[in-house]
Amino acid sequence: MDMRIAGALIGFVVGVIGYIIFKFWLLPIREYRRLKALIKADVKYYNTSISENMWKTEKKKRLQKVRKNILDLSDCYDHEIPVWYKIVLSRRRESPHEAAKHLIDLVNVHDSNLAFKRLEKARAALLIK
């Protein structure tokens, strides 16, 4: 009978630890990576529109989406991901706040060369290839 209680307690403790790791580590990191992938797609879209000289007509189509995604990424970085993952990102020199500075003000850019420079700085800040 004592072995059953010990087994149940061990199972309960392992379940609680697994839930904590999943809920507070794995889900926030997955969300961060998902948002980063969305921003990567948006940056690629803008680079394509700049190279095809469509910057002035195409820039407003995804602008609200880009701003929402970069703000969500910054919020996820500040409030959701664990501290140890922030340390990993800082060692990689990945900075969502630096990328946010360049992407949020993209609406005010009318020159395609300046927009390209801002996109490149944002890509460098997020380590997007």
C-alpha atoms as a PDB file:
ATOM      1  CA  MET A   1       0.000   0.000   0.000  1.00  0.00           C
ATOM      2  CA  ASP A   2       2.853   2.393   0.757  1.00  0.00           C
ATOM      3  CA  MET A   3       4.346   1.832  -2.708  1.00  0.00           C
ATOM      4  CA  ARG A   4       1.073   2.896  -4.320  1.00  0.00           C
ATOM      5  CA  ILE A   5       0.973   6.133  -2.346  1.00  0.00           C
ATOM      6  CA  ALA A   6       4.642   6.821  -3.106  1.00  0.00           C
ATOM      7  CA  GLY A   7       4.039   6.124  -6.805  1.00  0.00           C
ATOM      8  CA  ALA A   8       1.008   8.398  -6.843  1.00  0.00           C
ATOM      9  CA  LEU A   9       2.962  11.204  -5.150  1.00  0.00           C
ATOM     10  CA  ILE A  10       5.886  10.821  -7.550  1.00  0.00           C
ATOM     11  CA  GLY A  11       3.485  10.848 -10.501  1.00  0.00           C
ATOM     12  CA  PHE A  12       1.753  13.937  -9.149  1.00  0.00           C
ATOM     13  CA  VAL A  13       5.044  15.797  -8.627  1.00  0.00           C
ATOM     14  CA  VAL A  14       6.305  14.862 -12.097  1.00  0.00           C
ATOM     15  CA  GLY A  15       2.994  16.001 -13.591  1.00  0.00           C
ATOM     16  CA  VAL A  16       3.130  19.349 -11.792  1.00  0.00           C
ATOM     17  CA  ILE A  17       6.730  19.948 -12.871  1.00  0.00           C
ATOM     18  CA  GLY A  18       5.871  19.011 -16.455  1.00  0.00           C
ATOM     19  CA  TYR A  19       2.890  21.352 -16.466  1.00  0.00           C
ATOM     20  CA  ILE A  20       4.992  24.234 -15.145  1.00  0.00           C
ATOM     21  CA  ILE A  21       7.716  23.672 -17.736  1.00  0.00           C
ATOM     22  CA  PHE A  22       5.178  23.398 -20.544  1.00  0.00           C
ATOM     23  CA  LYS A  23       3.007  26.340 -19.469  1.00  0.00           C
ATOM     24  CA  PHE A  24       5.690  28.818 -18.448  1.00  0.00           C
ATOM     25  CA  TRP A  25       8.651  27.842 -20.651  1.00  0.00           C
ATOM     26  CA  LEU A  26       7.678  25.989 -23.795  1.00  0.00           C
ATOM     27  CA  LEU A  27       4.480  27.839 -24.723  1.00  0.00           C
ATOM     28  CA  PRO A  28       5.986  31.360 -24.386  1.00  0.00           C
ATOM     29  CA  ILE A  29       9.101  30.374 -26.338  1.00  0.00           C
ATOM     30  CA  ARG A  30       6.929  28.853 -29.081  1.00  0.00           C
ATOM     31  CA  GLU A  31       4.837  32.028 -29.212  1.00  0.00           C
ATOM     32  CA  TYR A  32       7.990  34.165 -29.457  1.00  0.00           C
ATOM     33  CA  ARG A  33       9.290  32.070 -32.345  1.00  0.00           C
ATOM     34  CA  ARG A  34       5.891  32.157 -34.090  1.00  0.00           C
ATOM     35  CA  LEU A  35       5.753  35.945 -33.904  1.00  0.00           C
ATOM     36  CA  LYS A  36       9.333  36.192 -35.116  1.00  0.00           C
ATOM     37  CA  ALA A  37       8.448  33.998 -38.109  1.00  0.00           C
ATOM     38  CA  LEU A  38       5.511  36.286 -38.948  1.00  0.00           C
ATOM     39  CA  ILE A  39       7.767  39.322 -38.808  1.00  0.00           C
ATOM     40  CA  LYS A  40      10.307  37.538 -40.984  1.00  0.00           C
ATOM     41  CA  ALA A  41       7.607  36.971 -43.617  1.00  0.00           C
ATOM     42  CA  ASP A  42       6.578  40.628 -43.444  1.00  0.00           C
ATOM     43  CA  VAL A  43      10.174  41.830 -43.803  1.00  0.00           C
ATOM     44  CA  LYS A  44      10.643  39.539 -46.799  1.00  0.00           C
ATOM     45  CA  TYR A  45       7.438  40.928 -48.324  1.00  0.00           C
ATOM     46  CA  TYR A  46       8.646  44.495 -47.887  1.00  0.00           C
ATOM     47  CA  ASN A  47      12.079  43.698 -49.303  1.00  0.00           C
ATOM     48  CA  THR A  48      10.380  42.239 -52.363  1.00  0.00           C
ATOM     49  CA  SER A  49       8.158  45.281 -52.771  1.00  0.00           C
ATOM     50  CA  ILE A  50      11.186  47.581 -52.521  1.00  0.00           C
ATOM     51  CA  SER A  51      13.158  45.604 -55.080  1.00  0.00           C
ATOM     52  CA  GLU A  52      10.200  45.696 -57.490  1.00  0.00           C
ATOM     53  CA  ASN A  53       9.748  49.466 -56.976  1.00  0.00           C
ATOM     54  CA  MET A  54       6.322  48.929 -55.425  1.00  0.00           C
ATOM     55  CA  TRP A  55       7.205  50.465 -52.043  1.00  0.00           C
ATOM     56  CA  LYS A  56       4.876  53.448 -52.186  1.00  0.00           C
ATOM     57  CA  THR A  57       1.820  51.456 -53.229  1.00  0.00           C
ATOM     58  CA  GLU A  58       2.419  48.274 -51.229  1.00  0.00           C
ATOM     59  CA  LYS A  59       3.591  49.608 -47.890  1.00  0.00           C
ATOM     60  CA  LYS A  60       0.207  50.236 -46.279  1.00  0.00           C
ATOM     61  CA  LYS A  61      -1.224  46.787 -47.001  1.00  0.00           C
ATOM     62  CA  ARG A  62       0.585  44.994 -44.208  1.00  0.00           C
ATOM     63  CA  LEU A  63       1.561  47.910 -42.028  1.00  0.00           C
ATOM     64  CA  GLN A  64      -1.004  47.404 -39.277  1.00  0.00           C
ATOM     65  CA  LYS A  65      -0.162  43.707 -39.163  1.00  0.00           C
ATOM     66  CA  VAL A  66       3.576  44.404 -38.909  1.00  0.00           C
ATOM     67  CA  ARG A  67       3.092  46.912 -36.116  1.00  0.00           C
ATOM     68  CA  LYS A  68       0.846  44.549 -34.177  1.00  0.00           C
ATOM     69  CA  ASN A  69       3.270  41.645 -34.606  1.00  0.00           C
ATOM     70  CA  ILE A  70       6.336  43.606 -33.514  1.00  0.00           C
ATOM     71  CA  LEU A  71       4.515  45.009 -30.491  1.00  0.00           C
ATOM     72  CA  ASP A  72       3.316  41.515 -29.577  1.00  0.00           C
ATOM     73  CA  LEU A  73       6.877  40.246 -29.949  1.00  0.00           C
ATOM     74  CA  SER A  74       8.214  42.967 -27.659  1.00  0.00           C
ATOM     75  CA  ASP A  75       5.460  42.258 -25.146  1.00  0.00           C
ATOM     76  CA  CYS A  76       6.206  38.529 -25.269  1.00  0.00           C
ATOM     77  CA  TYR A  77       9.891  39.286 -24.735  1.00  0.00           C
ATOM     78  CA  ASP A  78       9.173  41.557 -21.761  1.00  0.00           C
ATOM     79  CA  HIS A  79       6.486  39.591 -19.957  1.00  0.00           C
ATOM     80  CA  GLU A  80       6.204  35.993 -21.077  1.00  0.00           C
ATOM     81  CA  ILE A  81       9.469  34.305 -21.965  1.00  0.00           C
ATOM     82  CA  PRO A  82      11.592  32.982 -19.100  1.00  0.00           C
ATOM     83  CA  VAL A  83      14.644  34.859 -17.891  1.00  0.00           C
ATOM     84  CA  TRP A  84      17.042  32.135 -18.984  1.00  0.00           C
ATOM     85  CA  TYR A  85      15.778  32.441 -22.578  1.00  0.00           C
ATOM     86  CA  LYS A  86      16.231  36.218 -22.451  1.00  0.00           C
ATOM     87  CA  ILE A  87      19.839  35.574 -21.478  1.00  0.00           C
ATOM     88  CA  VAL A  88      20.225  33.231 -24.449  1.00  0.00           C
ATOM     89  CA  LEU A  89      18.759  35.874 -26.774  1.00  0.00           C
ATOM     90  CA  SER A  90      20.990  38.609 -25.372  1.00  0.00           C
ATOM     91  CA  ARG A  91      24.062  36.410 -25.879  1.00  0.00           C
ATOM     92  CA  ARG A  92      22.994  35.963 -29.493  1.00  0.00           C
ATOM     93  CA  ARG A  93      22.569  39.755 -29.622  1.00  0.00           C
ATOM     94  CA  GLU A  94      18.936  39.464 -30.645  1.00  0.00           C
ATOM     95  CA  SER A  95      16.927  42.524 -29.683  1.00  0.00           C
ATOM     96  CA  PRO A  96      13.204  42.784 -30.416  1.00  0.00           C
ATOM     97  CA  HIS A  97      13.132  46.314 -28.994  1.00  0.00           C
ATOM     98  CA  GLU A  98      15.769  47.471 -31.477  1.00  0.00           C
ATOM     99  CA  ALA A  99      13.813  45.876 -34.326  1.00  0.00           C
ATOM    100  CA  ALA A 100      10.626  47.527 -33.068  1.00  0.00           C
ATOM    101  CA  LYS A 101      12.234  50.959 -33.300  1.00  0.00           C
ATOM    102  CA  HIS A 102      12.953  50.422 -36.969  1.00  0.00           C
ATOM    103  CA  LEU A 103       9.732  48.681 -37.983  1.00  0.00           C
ATOM    104  CA  ILE A 104       7.190  50.833 -36.162  1.00  0.00           C
ATOM    105  CA  ASP A 105       8.368  54.027 -37.845  1.00  0.00           C
ATOM    106  CA  LEU A 106       8.320  52.389 -41.266  1.00  0.00           C
ATOM    107  CA  VAL A 107       4.996  54.056 -42.061  1.00  0.00           C
ATOM    108  CA  ASN A 108       6.631  57.478 -42.059  1.00  0.00           C
ATOM    109  CA  VAL A 109       9.304  56.468 -44.562  1.00  0.00           C
ATOM    110  CA  HIS A 110       8.631  57.562 -48.119  1.00  0.00           C
ATOM    111  CA  ASP A 111      12.055  56.870 -49.613  1.00  0.00           C
ATOM    112  CA  SER A 112      12.577  53.247 -50.615  1.00  0.00           C
ATOM    113  CA  ASN A 113      16.322  53.370 -49.870  1.00  0.00           C
ATOM    114  CA  LEU A 114      15.699  54.532 -46.327  1.00  0.00           C
ATOM    115  CA  ALA A 115      13.016  51.874 -45.923  1.00  0.00           C
ATOM    116  CA  PHE A 116      15.456  49.226 -47.116  1.00  0.00           C
ATOM    117  CA  LYS A 117      18.044  50.401 -44.573  1.00  0.00           C
ATOM    118  CA  ARG A 118      15.464  50.241 -41.768  1.00  0.00           C
ATOM    119  CA  LEU A 119      14.422  46.751 -42.811  1.00  0.00           C
ATOM    120  CA  GLU A 120      18.036  45.617 -42.846  1.00  0.00           C
ATOM    121  CA  LYS A 121      18.594  47.019 -39.348  1.00  0.00           C
ATOM    122  CA  ALA A 122      15.457  45.253 -38.125  1.00  0.00           C
ATOM    123  CA  ARG A 123      16.613  41.996 -39.732  1.00  0.00           C
ATOM    124  CA  ALA A 124      19.985  42.353 -38.037  1.00  0.00           C
ATOM    125  CA  ALA A 125      18.358  43.051 -34.671  1.00  0.00           C
ATOM    126  CA  LEU A 126      16.204  39.917 -34.924  1.00  0.00           C
ATOM    127  CA  LEU A 127      18.938  37.802 -36.550  1.00  0.00           C
ATOM    128  CA  ILE A 128      16.770  37.136 -39.582  1.00  0.00           C
ATOM    129  CA  LYS A 129      18.645  35.827 -42.601  1.00  0.00           C
END
